[in-house]
Amino acid sequence: MRSIAKKLALLLPITALIFVFLAVATPQARAEEVNQCAGTMQEVSNNINSNLHPADLFPYVDVNDREGGSAGAGTSDAVGASVVRITAPKNVKAGDQFVVDGQWGKYHNQYRGLGNYPIYEQGTKNVLAYVQLNGSKLHVIWSSYAASRVNTWVNLTIPQGFAFTTSLGDDISVGIHRARFQLLGCDGSKGKFIDKPVRIQPPQETVNAWQWVDENGKVSGARLSMFTKAASAYGIRNVNNRMRILVKLGKGWNFDCSKLPEETDASYYWGTNNWSTFKHAEVQKTPSTLVDARSRKVRPYCLSGNPKVGMFEFAPATLNDQIYIAAYVVGDGSTPSQLPKSGGKPYVRIDAEVWEVYPNRNAVKKHSMWGRNIFQYINPNTGGSATVSKGEITVTKKGNGLEAGQRFITGDNVNFTYEVKNTGKVTVDAIRVTDSKGVDVTCPKAILKPGESMTCTGRGRV
């Protein structure tokens, strides 16, 4: 150093050579250190548009509602999805989170994805983050694996839809209504704003079911629902007769025949032109007996014990009566690969027919309702990426205990200390400190975990 020639030395931070090898660690964040907005959000795509969306009203009753207090009507549908990229901050810790606010339920908008799932590093089973739905917000919680990496990001696919329902006091009158969509990041970022018109239409005949999932290699169960036209629309002319809905299940699903009377819910509507006027329909628990004529009761049972064919008989009180029925289906043990496919995707087929049942139990088929292929639900998150974190070491050299900027006399023997600290996110091993001034440096160990430090020593003449 030029200052040595002047018999004075200025103590500076060390210009040492550090040789390190990396070992992956998984640091944990303490609860009081959790960052509630760890990262940044960028909306990378959004296929929700502002085109008019027609939507038929649909009656409903909550699962296992035996009193009918939840009977009502509404409409909902999927409209598309947004993809947002969440990038973790440099020093993210396990448990830190980023919050995406969908404002769901505020503007007739709703989230239509899974409420709890992991996001994996692309091409691996390494979990980068866990997604949890909490009210109108998605919490992206960084994992210990993400905390051990740098340049970490995840792509989050957020499917959305609209919903109008009498249970929330919404206006469901026939005509044009509006739903709004915009994602808000806790960092202040905003996604595209969409004001979407929805044309609510009168109820239509339908049969449908929730999508199934791969449940430990097998097709899962789901909830089935159906809604009829008025009894007279099927040619039923006598209220002393019953209207039967016969539901056929394809490969993948069965009815649980023994539980069908307990797991069926129903409501009815009688053509008042007030679409919110749906009443609870009592479910008869004795499947071997016809329901009383004009009782507006529902009799669910399996055809001759066949779990593939469910029978739901309704006794209308007027020829204008329409019936809504919901029931559970269970997996029949099939694997997704054993199901028929459409477009390369496996599905379970459901079909329904309407029959007229006479007091002597004779029955005549009156109508074939259009059926559906029910496809598998696959969580659409698109993964993420991260790179291996590099070791980060700082070393500060001191002579005779002097701090940087203090001076000592040239020619003296000086006891040097080298304060070595791991300031990175991973364990660093094979640490060796060398001094370019020829000082032989000795360290007490060669491995430092994140946040750990040690003092190395050496002696030399200046």
Protein backbone atom coordinates (compact mmCIF):
# COMPACT_ATOMS: atom_id res chain seq x y z
CA MET A 1 0.00 0.00 0.00
CA ARG A 2 1.23 3.51 -0.78
CA SER A 3 0.44 4.53 2.84
CA ILE A 4 3.01 2.01 4.14
CA ALA A 5 5.81 3.83 2.28
CA LYS A 6 4.80 6.90 4.26
CA LYS A 7 5.24 4.88 7.51
CA LEU A 8 1.50 5.15 8.18
CA ALA A 9 -1.06 2.50 7.29
CA LEU A 10 -4.75 3.14 6.83
CA LEU A 11 -6.76 0.11 7.96
CA LEU A 12 -9.34 -0.82 5.32
CA PRO A 13 -11.84 -3.67 5.01
CA ILE A 14 -10.03 -6.79 3.92
CA THR A 15 -9.30 -7.58 0.30
CA ALA A 16 -9.23 -11.29 1.07
CA LEU A 17 -10.00 -14.24 -1.15
CA ILE A 18 -12.90 -16.41 0.01
CA PHE A 19 -13.36 -19.94 -1.34
CA VAL A 20 -16.80 -21.41 -0.61
CA PHE A 21 -18.97 -24.37 -1.49
CA LEU A 22 -22.75 -24.37 -1.05
CA ALA A 23 -25.05 -26.58 0.97
CA VAL A 24 -28.80 -26.00 0.72
CA ALA A 25 -30.52 -24.97 3.97
CA THR A 26 -34.14 -24.21 4.80
CA PRO A 27 -34.29 -21.16 7.08
CA GLN A 28 -37.54 -20.66 8.98
CA ALA A 29 -39.16 -17.28 9.63
CA ARG A 30 -40.33 -16.54 13.17
CA ALA A 31 -43.94 -15.44 13.48
CA GLU A 32 -43.07 -11.90 14.46
CA GLU A 33 -40.88 -11.55 11.37
CA VAL A 34 -43.48 -12.61 8.79
CA ASN A 35 -43.62 -10.15 5.90
CA GLN A 36 -47.28 -9.64 4.99
CA CYS A 37 -46.47 -8.26 1.53
CA ALA A 38 -43.38 -10.15 0.39
CA GLY A 39 -42.97 -9.54 -3.33
CA THR A 40 -44.39 -7.79 -6.34
CA MET A 41 -47.27 -8.64 -8.70
CA GLN A 42 -47.52 -8.33 -12.46
CA GLU A 43 -50.60 -9.41 -14.44
CA VAL A 44 -49.15 -11.21 -17.45
CA SER A 45 -52.43 -12.21 -19.13
CA ASN A 46 -56.19 -11.78 -18.75
CA ASN A 47 -58.76 -13.35 -21.08
CA ILE A 48 -61.85 -11.92 -19.35
CA ASN A 49 -63.64 -9.63 -21.81
CA SER A 50 -66.45 -7.09 -21.65
CA ASN A 51 -68.75 -8.95 -24.08
CA LEU A 52 -72.37 -9.62 -23.12
CA HIS A 53 -72.76 -12.96 -21.31
CA PRO A 54 -76.20 -14.66 -21.31
CA ALA A 55 -77.00 -16.57 -18.11
CA ASP A 56 -80.03 -18.69 -17.22
CA LEU A 57 -81.44 -18.44 -13.72
CA PHE A 58 -81.19 -21.57 -11.62
CA PRO A 59 -82.91 -22.56 -8.36
CA TYR A 60 -80.94 -24.05 -5.49
CA VAL A 61 -81.07 -25.23 -1.93
CA ASP A 62 -78.03 -25.61 0.32
CA VAL A 63 -76.51 -29.02 0.96
CA ASN A 64 -78.38 -30.90 3.71
CA ASP A 65 -80.96 -28.15 4.17
CA ARG A 66 -83.97 -30.04 5.56
CA GLU A 67 -86.07 -26.99 6.38
CA GLY A 68 -85.80 -25.14 3.08
CA GLY A 69 -84.61 -21.85 4.53
CA SER A 70 -81.93 -21.58 1.85
CA ALA A 71 -84.22 -22.20 -1.12
CA GLY A 72 -83.76 -19.47 -3.66
CA ALA A 73 -82.54 -18.69 -7.14
CA GLY A 74 -79.63 -17.14 -8.94
CA THR A 75 -77.18 -17.56 -11.75
CA SER A 76 -73.43 -17.89 -12.06
CA ASP A 77 -70.86 -18.84 -14.65
CA ALA A 78 -67.15 -18.77 -15.37
CA VAL A 79 -65.91 -15.93 -17.58
CA GLY A 80 -62.16 -16.52 -17.83
CA ALA A 81 -58.92 -16.26 -15.92
CA SER A 82 -56.07 -13.93 -15.12
CA VAL A 83 -52.45 -15.00 -14.78
CA VAL A 84 -50.32 -13.01 -12.37
CA ARG A 85 -46.61 -13.39 -11.69
CA ILE A 86 -45.59 -12.98 -8.06
CA THR A 87 -41.86 -12.35 -7.62
CA ALA A 88 -40.34 -12.96 -4.21
CA PRO A 89 -38.05 -10.34 -2.63
CA LYS A 90 -34.35 -11.07 -2.32
CA ASN A 91 -34.38 -12.02 1.35
CA VAL A 92 -37.74 -13.77 1.50
CA LYS A 93 -38.28 -16.07 4.48
CA ALA A 94 -40.39 -19.17 4.80
CA GLY A 95 -43.85 -18.09 5.86
CA ASP A 96 -43.65 -14.65 4.27
CA GLN A 97 -46.64 -14.00 2.05
CA PHE A 98 -48.01 -11.93 -0.78
CA VAL A 99 -51.72 -11.09 -0.89
CA VAL A 100 -53.86 -10.80 -4.04
CA ASP A 101 -57.25 -9.17 -3.43
CA GLY A 102 -59.85 -10.24 -5.99
CA GLN A 103 -62.57 -8.13 -4.35
CA TRP A 104 -64.77 -11.21 -4.80
CA GLY A 105 -68.36 -10.77 -3.73
CA LYS A 106 -68.15 -7.00 -3.95
CA TYR A 107 -69.19 -6.53 -7.58
CA HIS A 108 -71.05 -9.80 -8.32
CA ASN A 109 -67.65 -11.35 -9.05
CA GLN A 110 -66.40 -14.62 -7.64
CA TYR A 111 -63.28 -16.79 -7.47
CA ARG A 112 -63.76 -20.17 -9.17
CA GLY A 113 -60.53 -21.99 -8.35
CA LEU A 114 -59.24 -24.22 -5.56
CA GLY A 115 -59.02 -22.70 -2.10
CA ASN A 116 -55.79 -24.38 -1.00
CA TYR A 117 -52.99 -25.83 -3.14
CA PRO A 118 -49.20 -25.80 -3.67
CA ILE A 119 -47.31 -24.26 -6.60
CA TYR A 120 -44.36 -26.34 -7.76
CA GLU A 121 -41.10 -25.37 -9.36
CA GLN A 122 -41.47 -26.19 -13.05
CA GLY A 123 -40.41 -29.75 -13.81
CA THR A 124 -39.93 -30.72 -10.15
CA LYS A 125 -41.89 -31.56 -7.01
CA ASN A 126 -40.24 -28.72 -5.10
CA VAL A 127 -42.93 -26.49 -3.58
CA LEU A 128 -42.23 -22.79 -4.09
CA ALA A 129 -45.38 -21.46 -2.44
CA TYR A 130 -48.72 -22.44 -0.96
CA VAL A 131 -51.91 -20.67 -2.04
CA GLN A 132 -54.72 -20.19 0.49
CA LEU A 133 -58.07 -18.49 -0.08
CA ASN A 134 -59.20 -16.28 2.78
CA GLY A 135 -62.41 -14.41 2.05
CA SER A 136 -61.88 -12.25 -1.02
CA LYS A 137 -58.10 -12.67 -0.95
CA LEU A 138 -55.55 -15.22 -2.08
CA HIS A 139 -52.50 -15.55 0.16
CA VAL A 140 -49.34 -16.76 -1.58
CA ILE A 141 -47.16 -18.15 1.22
CA TRP A 142 -43.50 -18.69 0.36
CA SER A 143 -41.99 -22.06 1.28
CA SER A 144 -38.67 -22.87 2.93
CA TYR A 145 -37.48 -24.07 -0.48
CA ALA A 146 -38.22 -20.66 -1.99
CA ALA A 147 -36.39 -19.04 0.92
CA SER A 148 -33.28 -21.04 0.06
CA ARG A 149 -33.24 -19.76 -3.52
CA VAL A 150 -32.93 -16.48 -5.37
CA ASN A 151 -34.80 -15.05 -8.38
CA THR A 152 -37.92 -16.88 -7.20
CA TRP A 153 -41.27 -16.31 -8.88
CA VAL A 154 -44.57 -18.14 -9.34
CA ASN A 155 -47.30 -17.81 -11.93
CA LEU A 156 -50.74 -17.89 -10.38
CA THR A 157 -53.75 -18.64 -12.60
CA ILE A 158 -56.89 -17.10 -11.11
CA PRO A 159 -60.18 -18.32 -12.66
CA GLN A 160 -63.11 -15.98 -12.08
CA GLY A 161 -66.82 -15.78 -12.74
CA PHE A 162 -69.96 -13.88 -11.82
CA ALA A 163 -72.78 -14.67 -9.42
CA PHE A 164 -76.20 -13.16 -8.74
CA THR A 165 -78.22 -14.77 -5.95
CA THR A 166 -81.26 -14.09 -3.82
CA SER A 167 -79.36 -15.32 -0.76
CA LEU A 168 -77.31 -12.11 -0.91
CA GLY A 169 -80.26 -9.91 -1.78
CA ASP A 170 -79.15 -9.48 -5.39
CA ASP A 171 -81.49 -8.25 -8.09
CA ILE A 172 -82.09 -11.28 -10.32
CA SER A 173 -84.79 -9.78 -12.51
CA VAL A 174 -84.66 -10.75 -16.18
CA GLY A 175 -82.52 -8.24 -18.07
CA ILE A 176 -79.00 -6.76 -18.19
CA HIS A 177 -76.87 -6.69 -15.04
CA ARG A 178 -73.16 -6.02 -14.55
CA ALA A 179 -70.21 -7.74 -12.88
CA ARG A 180 -66.78 -6.16 -12.40
CA PHE A 181 -63.34 -7.71 -12.21
CA GLN A 182 -59.94 -6.36 -11.13
CA LEU A 183 -57.11 -7.92 -9.14
CA LEU A 184 -55.24 -5.81 -6.59
CA GLY A 185 -51.77 -6.66 -5.28
CA CYS A 186 -50.74 -5.77 -1.74
CA ASP A 187 -47.81 -3.89 -3.33
CA GLY A 188 -50.25 -1.44 -4.94
CA SER A 189 -50.25 -3.10 -8.37
CA LYS A 190 -53.52 -3.44 -10.29
CA GLY A 191 -54.74 -5.85 -12.94
CA LYS A 192 -56.99 -5.01 -15.87
CA PHE A 193 -60.41 -3.60 -15.00
CA ILE A 194 -63.35 -5.28 -16.75
CA ASP A 195 -66.98 -4.14 -16.55
CA LYS A 196 -68.91 -7.15 -17.89
CA PRO A 197 -72.62 -7.09 -18.84
CA VAL A 198 -74.64 -10.19 -17.91
CA ARG A 199 -78.09 -10.86 -19.38
CA ILE A 200 -80.17 -12.79 -16.84
CA GLN A 201 -82.71 -15.11 -18.49
CA PRO A 202 -85.60 -17.21 -17.12
CA PRO A 203 -84.83 -20.72 -15.79
CA GLN A 204 -84.30 -23.45 -18.36
CA GLU A 205 -84.32 -27.24 -18.16
CA THR A 206 -80.89 -28.56 -17.21
CA VAL A 207 -78.87 -31.36 -15.65
CA ASN A 208 -75.35 -30.70 -14.45
CA ALA A 209 -72.70 -31.67 -11.89
CA TRP A 210 -69.58 -30.36 -10.25
CA GLN A 211 -66.33 -31.34 -11.90
CA TRP A 212 -64.56 -34.34 -10.46
CA VAL A 213 -60.90 -34.57 -9.47
CA ASP A 214 -58.24 -37.25 -9.40
CA GLU A 215 -58.45 -38.45 -5.79
CA ASN A 216 -55.50 -40.73 -5.04
CA GLY A 217 -55.66 -42.16 -8.55
CA LYS A 218 -59.45 -42.60 -8.60
CA VAL A 219 -62.35 -40.54 -9.93
CA SER A 220 -63.85 -38.53 -7.08
CA GLY A 221 -67.53 -38.00 -6.36
CA ALA A 222 -69.44 -34.77 -6.92
CA ARG A 223 -72.80 -33.07 -6.49
CA LEU A 224 -75.43 -33.55 -9.19
CA SER A 225 -78.24 -31.08 -9.85
CA MET A 226 -81.19 -30.93 -12.23
CA PHE A 227 -84.10 -28.60 -12.97
CA THR A 228 -87.20 -29.39 -15.01
CA LYS A 229 -89.69 -27.45 -17.06
CA ALA A 230 -93.30 -27.30 -15.87
CA ALA A 231 -95.01 -30.69 -15.68
CA SER A 232 -97.39 -29.67 -18.48
CA ALA A 233 -94.43 -29.02 -20.80
CA TYR A 234 -93.79 -32.78 -20.81
CA GLY A 235 -97.39 -33.67 -21.65
CA ILE A 236 -98.41 -34.46 -18.08
CA ARG A 237 -102.09 -33.53 -17.84
CA ASN A 238 -103.20 -34.97 -14.50
CA VAL A 239 -101.88 -33.87 -11.09
CA ASN A 240 -102.80 -37.30 -9.71
CA ASN A 241 -99.78 -38.59 -11.64
CA ARG A 242 -96.14 -38.14 -10.69
CA MET A 243 -93.23 -36.72 -12.66
CA ARG A 244 -90.11 -38.88 -12.52
CA ILE A 245 -86.61 -37.70 -13.39
CA LEU A 246 -84.47 -40.70 -14.32
CA VAL A 247 -80.72 -40.00 -14.21
CA LYS A 248 -78.19 -42.30 -15.88
CA LEU A 249 -74.55 -42.19 -14.80
CA GLY A 250 -71.69 -43.21 -17.06
CA LYS A 251 -68.44 -44.90 -16.10
CA GLY A 252 -66.80 -43.15 -13.17
CA TRP A 253 -69.81 -42.45 -10.95
CA ASN A 254 -72.43 -44.31 -8.90
CA PHE A 255 -75.30 -43.30 -6.69
CA ASP A 256 -74.90 -44.43 -3.09
CA CYS A 257 -78.33 -46.05 -3.06
CA SER A 258 -78.55 -46.53 0.71
CA LYS A 259 -77.80 -42.86 1.36
CA LEU A 260 -79.77 -41.36 -1.52
CA PRO A 261 -82.87 -40.40 0.56
CA GLU A 262 -80.62 -38.69 3.13
CA GLU A 263 -78.41 -36.92 0.62
CA THR A 264 -81.04 -35.50 -1.71
CA ASP A 265 -82.22 -31.89 -1.50
CA ALA A 266 -85.09 -30.38 -3.48
CA SER A 267 -87.14 -27.24 -4.02
CA TYR A 268 -90.05 -26.43 -6.32
CA TYR A 269 -91.38 -23.47 -8.28
CA TRP A 270 -94.92 -23.01 -9.55
CA GLY A 271 -94.80 -20.45 -12.33
CA THR A 272 -95.47 -17.17 -10.50
CA ASN A 273 -93.06 -15.24 -12.77
CA ASN A 274 -91.16 -14.36 -9.61
CA TRP A 275 -87.94 -16.29 -10.04
CA SER A 276 -87.03 -15.96 -6.36
CA THR A 277 -90.15 -17.92 -5.33
CA PHE A 278 -88.77 -21.40 -4.69
CA LYS A 279 -89.96 -23.51 -1.78
CA HIS A 280 -88.39 -26.45 -0.02
CA ALA A 281 -89.68 -29.84 -1.19
CA GLU A 282 -89.84 -32.55 1.45
CA VAL A 283 -87.80 -35.67 0.65
CA GLN A 284 -89.53 -38.98 1.38
CA LYS A 285 -87.29 -41.38 3.32
CA THR A 286 -89.17 -44.57 2.31
CA PRO A 287 -88.19 -45.32 -1.31
CA SER A 288 -90.53 -48.30 -1.68
CA THR A 289 -93.72 -46.24 -1.48
CA LEU A 290 -95.11 -43.78 -4.00
CA VAL A 291 -95.27 -40.21 -2.76
CA ASP A 292 -98.79 -38.95 -2.10
CA ALA A 293 -100.41 -37.26 -5.08
CA ARG A 294 -100.21 -33.45 -5.11
CA SER A 295 -97.94 -33.52 -2.02
CA ARG A 296 -94.96 -31.84 -3.70
CA LYS A 297 -92.75 -34.46 -2.06
CA VAL A 298 -89.74 -36.10 -3.74
CA ARG A 299 -89.01 -39.83 -3.65
CA PRO A 300 -85.35 -40.71 -4.47
CA TYR A 301 -84.21 -44.30 -5.04
CA CYS A 302 -82.08 -46.47 -7.33
CA LEU A 303 -83.75 -48.41 -10.14
CA SER A 304 -83.83 -52.05 -8.93
CA GLY A 305 -80.81 -51.24 -6.76
CA ASN A 306 -78.72 -50.27 -9.79
CA PRO A 307 -76.26 -47.55 -8.63
CA LYS A 308 -75.96 -46.26 -12.20
CA VAL A 309 -79.63 -45.22 -12.42
CA GLY A 310 -81.20 -42.80 -9.95
CA MET A 311 -84.95 -42.16 -9.81
CA PHE A 312 -86.39 -38.93 -8.43
CA GLU A 313 -90.21 -38.88 -8.39
CA PHE A 314 -92.07 -35.66 -7.68
CA ALA A 315 -95.79 -35.21 -6.98
CA PRO A 316 -96.79 -31.84 -8.49
CA ALA A 317 -99.66 -29.89 -6.97
CA THR A 318 -100.23 -27.93 -10.20
CA LEU A 319 -99.34 -28.59 -13.81
CA ASN A 320 -97.10 -25.51 -13.65
CA ASP A 321 -94.85 -27.05 -10.98
CA GLN A 322 -91.14 -27.23 -11.77
CA ILE A 323 -88.71 -29.17 -9.57
CA TYR A 324 -85.05 -28.66 -8.63
CA ILE A 325 -83.18 -31.65 -7.22
CA ALA A 326 -79.61 -32.02 -5.96
CA ALA A 327 -77.96 -35.29 -4.95
CA TYR A 328 -74.50 -36.69 -4.37
CA VAL A 329 -72.70 -39.15 -6.60
CA VAL A 330 -69.64 -41.17 -5.59
CA GLY A 331 -66.72 -42.60 -7.52
CA ASP A 332 -67.23 -46.14 -8.80
CA GLY A 333 -63.56 -47.08 -8.42
CA SER A 334 -62.55 -46.15 -11.95
CA THR A 335 -59.26 -44.44 -12.66
CA PRO A 336 -59.22 -41.36 -14.93
CA SER A 337 -57.43 -43.40 -17.61
CA GLN A 338 -60.36 -45.84 -17.78
CA LEU A 339 -62.91 -43.15 -18.67
CA PRO A 340 -64.03 -42.19 -22.19
CA LYS A 341 -62.31 -39.14 -23.62
CA SER A 342 -63.25 -36.11 -25.65
CA GLY A 343 -60.46 -33.99 -27.07
CA GLY A 344 -58.04 -36.16 -25.14
CA LYS A 345 -59.71 -35.30 -21.81
CA PRO A 346 -61.48 -37.94 -19.67
CA TYR A 347 -65.09 -37.34 -18.69
CA VAL A 348 -68.06 -38.86 -16.87
CA ARG A 349 -71.32 -38.84 -18.82
CA ILE A 350 -74.68 -37.97 -17.24
CA ASP A 351 -78.08 -38.16 -18.98
CA ALA A 352 -81.62 -37.58 -17.75
CA GLU A 353 -85.12 -38.50 -18.86
CA VAL A 354 -88.59 -37.38 -17.73
CA TRP A 355 -91.29 -40.03 -17.18
CA GLU A 356 -94.95 -39.83 -16.18
CA VAL A 357 -95.84 -42.29 -13.39
CA TYR A 358 -99.44 -43.40 -12.89
CA PRO A 359 -101.06 -44.38 -9.57
CA ASN A 360 -100.73 -48.07 -10.51
CA ARG A 361 -96.93 -47.49 -10.90
CA ASN A 362 -96.96 -47.89 -14.66
CA ALA A 363 -94.73 -45.29 -16.29
CA VAL A 364 -94.31 -43.73 -19.73
CA LYS A 365 -91.24 -41.90 -20.97
CA LYS A 366 -92.16 -38.34 -21.96
CA HIS A 367 -88.88 -36.57 -22.70
CA SER A 368 -85.09 -36.92 -22.95
CA MET A 369 -83.27 -34.07 -21.23
CA TRP A 370 -79.97 -33.10 -22.82
CA GLY A 371 -77.02 -34.64 -21.01
CA ARG A 372 -73.49 -33.51 -20.26
CA ASN A 373 -69.91 -34.70 -20.25
CA ILE A 374 -68.42 -33.79 -16.86
CA PHE A 375 -64.68 -33.27 -17.18
CA GLN A 376 -61.93 -33.45 -14.61
CA TYR A 377 -61.02 -30.30 -12.74
CA ILE A 378 -57.29 -29.65 -12.98
CA ASN A 379 -55.81 -26.82 -10.99
CA PRO A 380 -54.53 -24.39 -13.66
CA ASN A 381 -51.59 -22.81 -11.81
CA THR A 382 -48.62 -22.66 -14.16
CA GLY A 383 -45.75 -23.16 -11.72
CA GLY A 384 -42.73 -21.02 -11.10
CA SER A 385 -38.97 -20.85 -11.11
CA ALA A 386 -36.02 -20.20 -8.83
CA THR A 387 -32.24 -20.41 -9.02
CA VAL A 388 -29.78 -21.76 -6.49
CA SER A 389 -28.76 -19.09 -4.04
CA LYS A 390 -25.10 -18.10 -4.02
CA GLY A 391 -23.12 -17.89 -0.80
CA GLU A 392 -22.69 -14.39 0.58
CA ILE A 393 -19.80 -13.76 2.97
CA THR A 394 -18.50 -10.50 4.44
CA VAL A 395 -15.04 -10.25 6.03
CA THR A 396 -13.73 -7.30 8.05
CA LYS A 397 -10.03 -7.12 8.91
CA LYS A 398 -8.74 -5.37 12.03
CA GLY A 399 -5.18 -4.86 13.30
CA ASN A 400 -4.45 -4.75 17.07
CA GLY A 401 -8.16 -4.17 17.60
CA LEU A 402 -8.18 -0.93 15.64
CA GLU A 403 -11.25 -0.03 13.62
CA ALA A 404 -11.21 0.89 9.96
CA GLY A 405 -9.77 4.39 9.52
CA GLN A 406 -7.47 4.22 12.58
CA ARG A 407 -3.67 4.15 12.15
CA PHE A 408 -0.62 2.30 13.45
CA ILE A 409 3.18 2.56 12.96
CA THR A 410 4.79 0.85 9.98
CA GLY A 411 7.21 -1.90 10.99
CA ASP A 412 5.26 -3.10 14.00
CA ASN A 413 4.07 -6.67 14.40
CA VAL A 414 0.32 -6.58 14.28
CA ASN A 415 -2.24 -9.14 15.50
CA PHE A 416 -4.91 -9.22 12.84
CA THR A 417 -8.51 -10.43 13.26
CA TYR A 418 -10.83 -11.29 10.43
CA GLU A 419 -14.54 -11.12 11.30
CA VAL A 420 -16.29 -13.48 8.89
CA LYS A 421 -20.12 -13.49 8.64
CA ASN A 422 -22.54 -15.45 6.43
CA THR A 423 -24.95 -12.77 5.21
CA GLY A 424 -26.59 -15.00 2.61
CA LYS A 425 -29.53 -17.42 2.58
CA VAL A 426 -27.69 -20.76 2.47
CA THR A 427 -25.07 -22.57 4.50
CA VAL A 428 -21.52 -21.96 3.25
CA ASP A 429 -18.83 -24.58 3.79
CA ALA A 430 -15.14 -25.04 2.96
CA ILE A 431 -14.43 -21.45 4.03
CA ARG A 432 -10.75 -20.46 3.78
CA VAL A 433 -9.53 -16.89 4.34
CA THR A 434 -6.30 -15.75 2.70
CA ASP A 435 -4.68 -12.33 3.04
CA SER A 436 -2.99 -10.80 0.00
CA LYS A 437 -0.38 -9.27 2.35
CA GLY A 438 1.06 -12.67 3.20
CA VAL A 439 -0.49 -13.05 6.64
CA ASP A 440 -1.10 -16.69 7.60
CA VAL A 441 -4.76 -16.75 8.65
CA THR A 442 -6.30 -19.39 10.94
CA CYS A 443 -10.07 -19.90 11.31
CA PRO A 444 -11.87 -21.93 14.03
CA LYS A 445 -14.19 -23.69 11.56
CA ALA A 446 -14.98 -23.92 7.87
CA ILE A 447 -18.81 -23.89 7.89
CA LEU A 448 -21.19 -21.03 8.63
CA LYS A 449 -24.98 -21.20 8.59
CA PRO A 450 -26.99 -18.15 7.46
CA GLY A 451 -26.48 -15.36 10.00
CA GLU A 452 -23.58 -17.08 11.76
CA SER A 453 -20.16 -15.46 12.17
CA MET A 454 -16.66 -16.37 13.38
CA THR A 455 -13.36 -14.63 14.07
CA CYS A 456 -10.22 -15.74 12.25
CA THR A 457 -6.74 -14.63 13.38
CA GLY A 458 -3.28 -13.95 11.95
CA ARG A 459 -0.04 -12.09 12.81
CA GLY A 460 2.18 -10.09 10.47
CA ARG A 461 4.50 -7.08 10.12
CA VAL A 462 3.28 -3.90 8.44
